[in-house]
Amino acid sequence: MKKTIAAIAAVAFAGVLGVTASGCNRGSVNLASLASNWYYDAEFDGIQPTFEESNGAEVVTYSVKQTEKSSNARYSVEYSDGTYKTTFCAKALTAAQLSEITDPDDENRRQEYLDAFKNGGMLYYYKTELSIGSVTFKCGDGEPAVFENETVTSESYFRAVSDRLSPVYSVRTVKRHVPVNWQPSSVEECYFTLDREYKSYYNLAGTDVKTVETDYALGGAENIYAQGGISSSNSAFDLSYLDVVARAMKNKGTSQNVNVYSPCLPVRTYTLAGGAEPLSADGEKAAKELADIQNVLKEKNLFSEGTDPEAPATLATASVTVSYNGGSFSGVAQRYWFAAAQDGKNTARTMLVKYSLPLYFGLGTLEYVITGIEELPA
């Protein structure tokens, strides 16, 4: 039970998440259609030169708010406002650095990478930092349980679109209290405490992964989990960069199935569906959010209202809905909104501007909305 709860916890509060595409078994795998939707020419499928770390990184901040309260009749969870920060760039790794992010106990797997990336290699790097000030669990008339400084941090390395954004390595550090029950009888049964680190090492083909779980609440005890066949039916991705994969969807009006590996869980299938959903079903709220988002983008010259003050342009957005297929939580869907470029070459998704995450067990919804762009590649 402990392992299952830990894995659910890693998924349920991941923040902007991740899936992996593999470049093997092309005859039988349903390969996702992907594009480099973070560059002027999205059809350029190699590592984007402007995204190299030497030119700077894309660093974006988001507010995190619980916009819908718990509807669970037995208990509630209340989150204070938080922040979310993403860092996206490409890193040139030396052979020694590449060795550090491959399985330290598997010389053959490490050598595969060293042979494929002579003298090192260039990989995309994505980091997320989620921080929630406090979370409060309430059950019946008993005293609430309040916990502060909830955090989830992840780092991931993955390959270019030409290599199907195939995962190489991820590390996720989780320090938080996660809901684990539909109908608890006491506040103590509402949550599970996590203070863990998950390091996941992939083979070069992206078909196998090994996760090393370190439980700091148990004095640093380690568990090792191995998973094979992660791309046997669909392109597969690591949980840590799901928002990058959603951003990379090539076709706006279609859907595609992908496999998602999250630490210590069996591979799960998700459907990514592109669309043009409004930022909110509430028209007034949607209009305010769009205006605020436009102002953030204007500060970095990423959006212009045009020259006609009587008819200013408005930002177009494109959405991606991610739905889980199978198991107890089928139908629970999270949604991303991206600025839709109109430059003639990239009319799909560019920068993430909003993310909506319904919580399991009917415990409300968290929404992430862009509030600032700290840095852009030169």
Protein backbone atom coordinates (compact mmCIF):
# COMPACT_ATOMS: atom_id res chain seq x y z
CA MET A 1 0.00 0.00 0.00
CA LYS A 2 2.85 2.36 0.81
CA LYS A 3 4.29 2.05 -2.68
CA THR A 4 0.94 2.67 -4.36
CA ILE A 5 0.22 5.75 -2.26
CA ALA A 6 3.67 7.15 -2.95
CA ALA A 7 3.25 6.76 -6.67
CA ILE A 8 -0.22 8.34 -6.71
CA ALA A 9 1.17 11.21 -4.70
CA ALA A 10 3.92 11.82 -7.23
CA VAL A 11 1.31 12.07 -9.98
CA ALA A 12 -1.45 13.91 -8.18
CA PHE A 13 0.54 17.04 -7.38
CA ALA A 14 3.13 17.07 -10.11
CA GLY A 15 2.39 20.56 -11.37
CA VAL A 16 2.93 20.94 -15.10
CA LEU A 17 3.76 17.30 -15.95
CA GLY A 18 5.45 15.03 -18.61
CA VAL A 19 5.16 12.06 -21.22
CA THR A 20 7.95 10.32 -23.46
CA ALA A 21 8.27 9.51 -27.13
CA SER A 22 10.49 6.67 -28.17
CA GLY A 23 12.32 6.18 -31.41
CA CYS A 24 12.18 2.38 -31.48
CA ASN A 25 9.77 -0.22 -32.88
CA ARG A 26 8.48 2.30 -35.41
CA GLY A 27 6.49 -0.38 -37.17
CA SER A 28 4.25 -1.11 -34.20
CA VAL A 29 4.35 1.96 -31.98
CA ASN A 30 1.79 4.74 -32.43
CA LEU A 31 4.25 7.62 -32.68
CA ALA A 32 3.08 11.03 -31.52
CA SER A 33 3.15 13.87 -34.03
CA LEU A 34 5.45 16.53 -32.55
CA ALA A 35 6.94 19.92 -33.47
CA SER A 36 9.38 22.36 -31.88
CA ASN A 37 6.73 24.83 -30.74
CA TRP A 38 9.24 26.97 -28.85
CA TYR A 39 11.02 28.39 -31.88
CA TYR A 40 10.22 30.58 -34.90
CA ASP A 41 10.35 27.63 -37.31
CA ALA A 42 8.59 24.80 -35.50
CA GLU A 43 9.48 22.37 -38.28
CA PHE A 44 13.16 22.56 -37.30
CA ASP A 45 13.29 19.31 -35.33
CA GLY A 46 16.82 19.35 -33.98
CA ILE A 47 17.97 20.93 -30.74
CA GLN A 48 17.10 24.61 -31.19
CA PRO A 49 20.32 26.66 -31.38
CA THR A 50 18.70 29.66 -29.67
CA PHE A 51 17.74 27.44 -26.74
CA GLU A 52 21.30 26.49 -25.91
CA GLU A 53 22.15 27.38 -22.33
CA SER A 54 24.92 29.71 -23.46
CA ASN A 55 22.22 31.95 -24.97
CA GLY A 56 20.12 31.97 -21.82
CA ALA A 57 17.01 30.01 -20.90
CA GLU A 58 13.25 30.42 -21.01
CA VAL A 59 12.31 31.12 -17.38
CA VAL A 60 8.62 31.68 -16.64
CA THR A 61 6.66 32.13 -13.39
CA TYR A 62 3.02 31.33 -12.65
CA SER A 63 0.61 31.97 -9.81
CA VAL A 64 -1.09 28.89 -8.32
CA LYS A 65 -4.59 29.23 -6.89
CA GLN A 66 -7.32 26.86 -5.80
CA THR A 67 -10.17 28.14 -7.98
CA GLU A 68 -12.69 25.44 -7.12
CA LYS A 69 -13.21 24.18 -3.58
CA SER A 70 -13.66 20.59 -2.48
CA SER A 71 -16.95 18.91 -3.35
CA ASN A 72 -16.12 15.76 -1.39
CA ALA A 73 -18.86 15.24 1.23
CA ARG A 74 -16.53 13.64 3.80
CA TYR A 75 -13.59 16.03 3.89
CA SER A 76 -11.98 19.03 2.26
CA VAL A 77 -8.51 20.19 1.30
CA GLU A 78 -7.69 23.88 1.11
CA TYR A 79 -4.52 25.14 -0.57
CA SER A 80 -3.10 28.60 0.00
CA ASP A 81 -1.76 30.53 -2.98
CA GLY A 82 1.50 29.29 -4.42
CA THR A 83 4.02 29.79 -7.21
CA TYR A 84 5.28 27.70 -10.08
CA LYS A 85 8.47 28.32 -12.02
CA THR A 86 9.74 26.64 -15.19
CA THR A 87 13.20 26.72 -16.76
CA PHE A 88 13.65 25.42 -20.30
CA CYS A 89 16.88 25.31 -22.33
CA ALA A 90 19.29 22.94 -24.09
CA LYS A 91 22.48 21.85 -22.37
CA ALA A 92 25.73 20.71 -23.92
CA LEU A 93 26.88 17.83 -21.73
CA THR A 94 30.40 16.50 -21.55
CA ALA A 95 30.93 12.75 -21.52
CA ALA A 96 31.41 12.94 -17.75
CA GLN A 97 28.16 14.88 -17.26
CA LEU A 98 26.29 12.47 -19.51
CA SER A 99 27.57 9.58 -17.40
CA GLU A 100 26.14 11.25 -14.29
CA ILE A 101 22.58 11.07 -15.61
CA THR A 102 22.73 7.48 -16.82
CA ASP A 103 22.25 4.40 -14.63
CA PRO A 104 25.29 4.29 -12.31
CA ASP A 105 24.86 0.52 -11.86
CA ASP A 106 24.55 -0.41 -15.54
CA GLU A 107 27.79 0.01 -17.48
CA ASN A 108 26.20 -1.21 -20.74
CA ARG A 109 23.42 1.36 -20.56
CA ARG A 110 25.88 4.13 -19.82
CA GLN A 111 28.11 3.05 -22.70
CA GLU A 112 25.14 3.16 -25.08
CA TYR A 113 24.82 6.88 -24.44
CA LEU A 114 28.54 7.54 -24.64
CA ASP A 115 28.72 5.75 -28.00
CA ALA A 116 25.69 7.66 -29.35
CA PHE A 117 26.91 11.04 -28.10
CA LYS A 118 30.59 11.11 -28.92
CA ASN A 119 32.44 13.45 -26.58
CA GLY A 120 29.17 14.31 -24.84
CA GLY A 121 25.91 15.55 -26.32
CA MET A 122 23.22 18.22 -26.50
CA LEU A 123 19.95 17.54 -24.65
CA TYR A 124 16.92 19.59 -23.69
CA TYR A 125 16.70 20.41 -19.98
CA TYR A 126 13.47 21.26 -18.18
CA LYS A 127 13.10 22.22 -14.52
CA THR A 128 9.91 22.91 -12.56
CA GLU A 129 9.58 24.34 -9.06
CA LEU A 130 6.19 24.24 -7.33
CA SER A 131 5.68 25.83 -3.92
CA ILE A 132 2.44 26.01 -1.91
CA GLY A 133 2.44 28.03 1.31
CA SER A 134 0.14 25.71 3.25
CA VAL A 135 -2.46 22.96 2.91
CA THR A 136 -5.33 22.35 5.34
CA PHE A 137 -7.22 19.05 5.69
CA LYS A 138 -10.64 19.16 7.37
CA CYS A 139 -12.73 16.11 8.23
CA GLY A 140 -16.00 16.36 10.18
CA ASP A 141 -15.95 18.40 13.38
CA GLY A 142 -12.42 17.44 14.37
CA GLU A 143 -9.41 19.71 14.46
CA PRO A 144 -7.98 20.44 10.99
CA ALA A 145 -4.49 19.31 10.03
CA VAL A 146 -2.37 22.16 8.65
CA PHE A 147 0.97 21.74 6.91
CA GLU A 148 3.26 24.44 5.56
CA ASN A 149 5.87 24.76 2.82
CA GLU A 150 4.64 22.11 0.39
CA THR A 151 7.09 21.73 -2.52
CA VAL A 152 7.66 19.62 -5.63
CA THR A 153 10.76 20.11 -7.76
CA SER A 154 11.67 18.21 -10.90
CA GLU A 155 14.49 18.22 -13.44
CA SER A 156 14.54 16.28 -16.68
CA TYR A 157 16.74 15.69 -19.70
CA PHE A 158 15.28 14.59 -23.01
CA ARG A 159 16.15 14.46 -26.69
CA ALA A 160 15.10 16.58 -29.68
CA VAL A 161 11.87 16.27 -31.65
CA SER A 162 13.87 14.37 -34.29
CA ASP A 163 14.41 11.75 -31.58
CA ARG A 164 10.77 11.89 -30.45
CA LEU A 165 11.54 13.94 -27.29
CA SER A 166 12.72 10.63 -25.86
CA PRO A 167 13.52 10.76 -22.12
CA VAL A 168 17.02 10.31 -20.75
CA TYR A 169 16.80 11.14 -17.04
CA SER A 170 14.56 12.78 -14.47
CA VAL A 171 14.75 13.56 -10.77
CA ARG A 172 11.72 14.59 -8.71
CA THR A 173 11.86 15.78 -5.10
CA VAL A 174 8.53 15.76 -3.25
CA LYS A 175 7.94 17.31 0.19
CA ARG A 176 4.22 17.46 0.77
CA HIS A 177 1.05 15.91 2.15
CA VAL A 178 -1.20 14.29 -0.44
CA PRO A 179 -4.88 13.24 -0.29
CA VAL A 180 -5.20 9.44 -0.41
CA ASN A 181 -8.80 8.56 0.44
CA TRP A 182 -12.33 9.04 -0.87
CA GLN A 183 -14.16 8.58 2.46
CA PRO A 184 -11.88 8.92 5.48
CA SER A 185 -13.31 8.60 8.97
CA SER A 186 -10.76 10.97 10.57
CA VAL A 187 -8.45 13.73 9.45
CA GLU A 188 -5.46 11.39 9.92
CA GLU A 189 -6.87 9.15 7.18
CA CYS A 190 -7.11 12.01 4.68
CA TYR A 191 -3.44 12.39 3.78
CA PHE A 192 -0.10 10.70 3.34
CA THR A 193 3.20 12.40 4.15
CA LEU A 194 5.86 12.41 1.46
CA ASP A 195 9.51 13.38 1.78
CA ARG A 196 11.05 11.52 -1.13
CA GLU A 197 13.30 11.75 -4.14
CA TYR A 198 12.80 9.78 -7.35
CA LYS A 199 15.62 9.38 -9.88
CA SER A 200 14.64 7.73 -13.16
CA TYR A 201 17.22 6.45 -15.65
CA TYR A 202 16.18 5.48 -19.21
CA ASN A 203 17.97 3.32 -21.73
CA LEU A 204 18.94 4.92 -25.05
CA ALA A 205 15.96 3.44 -26.91
CA GLY A 206 13.50 4.84 -24.35
CA THR A 207 11.99 1.40 -23.79
CA ASP A 208 13.17 0.69 -20.25
CA VAL A 209 13.53 2.76 -17.11
CA LYS A 210 14.86 2.23 -13.60
CA THR A 211 13.72 4.43 -10.71
CA VAL A 212 15.62 4.80 -7.46
CA GLU A 213 13.30 6.03 -4.68
CA THR A 214 14.88 7.55 -1.56
CA ASP A 215 12.55 7.96 1.42
CA TYR A 216 14.01 10.64 3.69
CA ALA A 217 11.20 10.18 6.21
CA LEU A 218 12.63 6.69 6.76
CA GLY A 219 16.21 7.81 7.14
CA GLY A 220 17.11 7.65 3.46
CA ALA A 221 15.87 4.12 2.79
CA GLU A 222 16.09 3.18 -0.90
CA ASN A 223 13.79 1.17 -3.14
CA ILE A 224 14.49 0.32 -6.78
CA TYR A 225 11.80 -0.14 -9.42
CA ALA A 226 12.37 -1.36 -12.97
CA GLN A 227 9.90 -0.93 -15.84
CA GLY A 228 10.25 -2.35 -19.34
CA GLY A 229 8.18 -1.96 -22.48
CA ILE A 230 7.18 1.61 -21.72
CA SER A 231 6.82 2.46 -25.43
CA SER A 232 5.32 -0.84 -26.58
CA SER A 233 2.06 0.71 -27.85
CA ASN A 234 2.46 4.50 -28.01
CA SER A 235 5.15 7.13 -27.79
CA ALA A 236 6.24 7.36 -24.17
CA PHE A 237 7.36 10.27 -21.99
CA ASP A 238 8.45 10.98 -18.44
CA LEU A 239 5.98 12.65 -16.08
CA SER A 240 8.32 15.55 -15.42
CA TYR A 241 7.91 17.26 -18.79
CA LEU A 242 4.33 16.54 -19.85
CA ASP A 243 3.68 20.23 -20.42
CA VAL A 244 6.53 20.34 -22.95
CA VAL A 245 4.99 17.39 -24.78
CA ALA A 246 1.58 19.08 -24.80
CA ARG A 247 3.28 22.19 -26.17
CA ALA A 248 4.96 20.07 -28.87
CA MET A 249 1.71 18.61 -30.24
CA LYS A 250 1.85 19.27 -33.96
CA ASN A 251 -1.81 19.21 -34.95
CA LYS A 252 -4.24 21.55 -33.22
CA GLY A 253 -7.50 19.77 -34.01
CA THR A 254 -6.56 16.15 -33.41
CA SER A 255 -5.96 13.81 -30.49
CA GLN A 256 -3.30 11.20 -29.88
CA ASN A 257 -2.56 8.59 -27.24
CA VAL A 258 0.75 8.58 -25.41
CA ASN A 259 2.25 6.50 -22.63
CA VAL A 260 3.34 8.25 -19.43
CA TYR A 261 5.83 6.91 -16.93
CA SER A 262 5.66 8.34 -13.43
CA PRO A 263 7.93 7.14 -10.63
CA CYS A 264 7.20 3.67 -9.29
CA LEU A 265 3.93 3.26 -11.23
CA PRO A 266 3.12 1.06 -14.22
CA VAL A 267 3.03 2.95 -17.51
CA ARG A 268 -0.31 4.65 -18.08
CA THR A 269 -1.99 5.81 -21.27
CA TYR A 270 -3.22 9.37 -21.70
CA THR A 271 -5.06 11.06 -24.56
CA LEU A 272 -3.83 14.50 -25.65
CA ALA A 273 -6.51 16.42 -27.54
CA GLY A 274 -5.79 19.75 -29.21
CA GLY A 275 -8.48 22.40 -29.35
CA ALA A 276 -9.44 26.02 -28.82
CA GLU A 277 -11.19 25.92 -25.45
CA PRO A 278 -11.76 29.30 -23.76
CA LEU A 279 -9.59 30.18 -20.79
CA SER A 280 -12.66 29.85 -18.58
CA ALA A 281 -16.35 29.01 -18.93
CA ASP A 282 -16.95 32.29 -17.10
CA GLY A 283 -16.71 34.94 -19.81
CA GLU A 284 -15.79 37.77 -17.44
CA LYS A 285 -13.05 35.71 -15.82
CA ALA A 286 -11.71 34.61 -19.21
CA ALA A 287 -11.54 38.22 -20.44
CA LYS A 288 -9.63 39.38 -17.36
CA GLU A 289 -7.20 36.48 -17.54
CA LEU A 290 -6.57 37.12 -21.23
CA ALA A 291 -5.89 40.82 -20.59
CA ASP A 292 -3.45 39.97 -17.78
CA ILE A 293 -1.70 37.36 -19.92
CA GLN A 294 -1.38 39.82 -22.81
CA ASN A 295 0.28 42.35 -20.49
CA VAL A 296 2.84 39.78 -19.36
CA LEU A 297 3.70 38.88 -22.95
CA LYS A 298 3.82 42.53 -24.05
CA GLU A 299 6.52 43.25 -21.48
CA LYS A 300 8.84 40.90 -23.40
CA ASN A 301 7.63 42.00 -26.86
CA LEU A 302 5.92 38.64 -27.38
CA PHE A 303 2.55 40.20 -28.17
CA SER A 304 1.40 43.37 -29.92
CA GLU A 305 -2.09 44.84 -29.98
CA GLY A 306 -1.33 46.43 -33.33
CA THR A 307 -1.47 50.07 -34.39
CA ASP A 308 -5.22 50.63 -34.44
CA PRO A 309 -6.32 51.83 -30.97
CA GLU A 310 -9.95 51.43 -31.98
CA ALA A 311 -9.53 47.74 -32.79
CA PRO A 312 -6.62 46.32 -30.82
CA ALA A 313 -5.61 42.74 -31.54
CA THR A 314 -6.26 40.08 -28.91
CA LEU A 315 -4.09 37.11 -28.11
CA ALA A 316 -5.14 33.81 -29.66
CA THR A 317 -4.73 30.73 -27.46
CA ALA A 318 -4.73 27.03 -28.21
CA SER A 319 -5.59 24.34 -25.68
CA VAL A 320 -4.51 20.76 -25.03
CA THR A 321 -6.63 18.52 -22.83
CA VAL A 322 -4.88 15.55 -21.22
CA SER A 323 -7.17 12.70 -20.11
CA TYR A 324 -6.21 9.53 -18.28
CA ASN A 325 -7.45 6.27 -19.81
CA GLY A 326 -8.08 3.35 -17.49
CA GLY A 327 -8.31 2.73 -13.76
CA SER A 328 -10.10 4.52 -10.96
CA PHE A 329 -9.32 8.01 -12.22
CA SER A 330 -10.35 7.61 -15.87
CA GLY A 331 -11.89 10.79 -17.20
CA VAL A 332 -9.98 13.11 -14.87
CA ALA A 333 -8.58 15.66 -17.31
CA GLN A 334 -6.09 18.48 -16.96
CA ARG A 335 -5.87 21.26 -19.53
CA TYR A 336 -3.11 23.48 -20.87
CA TRP A 337 -3.44 26.76 -22.74
CA PHE A 338 -0.66 28.11 -24.94
CA ALA A 339 -0.18 31.39 -26.76
CA ALA A 340 -0.89 30.66 -30.44
CA ALA A 341 1.71 32.28 -32.67
CA GLN A 342 0.55 33.93 -35.90
CA ASP A 343 3.88 34.38 -37.66
CA GLY A 344 3.15 32.20 -40.67
CA LYS A 345 5.52 29.39 -39.68
CA ASN A 346 4.38 28.44 -36.21
CA THR A 347 0.62 28.78 -35.79
CA ALA A 348 0.29 26.15 -33.10
CA ARG A 349 1.33 26.38 -29.47
CA THR A 350 4.14 28.49 -28.10
CA MET A 351 4.50 29.57 -24.48
CA LEU A 352 2.37 28.00 -21.76
CA VAL A 353 0.06 30.68 -20.33
CA LYS A 354 -2.37 28.69 -18.17
CA TYR A 355 -2.78 25.22 -16.70
CA SER A 356 -5.83 23.74 -14.94
CA LEU A 357 -5.44 20.70 -12.67
CA PRO A 358 -8.55 19.03 -11.20
CA LEU A 359 -7.62 17.21 -8.00
CA TYR A 360 -8.53 13.60 -7.32
CA PHE A 361 -11.31 12.61 -4.88
CA GLY A 362 -13.42 15.68 -5.77
CA LEU A 363 -11.12 18.02 -3.86
CA GLY A 364 -11.28 21.04 -6.14
CA THR A 365 -9.10 22.50 -8.89
CA LEU A 366 -5.74 24.25 -8.96
CA GLU A 367 -5.04 26.77 -11.71
CA TYR A 368 -1.65 28.05 -12.82
CA VAL A 369 -1.63 31.38 -14.69
CA ILE A 370 1.44 33.11 -16.10
CA THR A 371 2.54 36.16 -14.08
CA GLY A 372 6.01 36.92 -15.35
CA ILE A 373 8.79 36.03 -17.80
CA GLU A 374 12.12 36.28 -16.02
CA GLU A 375 14.34 35.40 -18.94
CA LEU A 376 14.26 34.44 -22.63
CA PRO A 377 17.01 32.95 -24.80
CA ALA A 378 18.95 35.61 -26.66
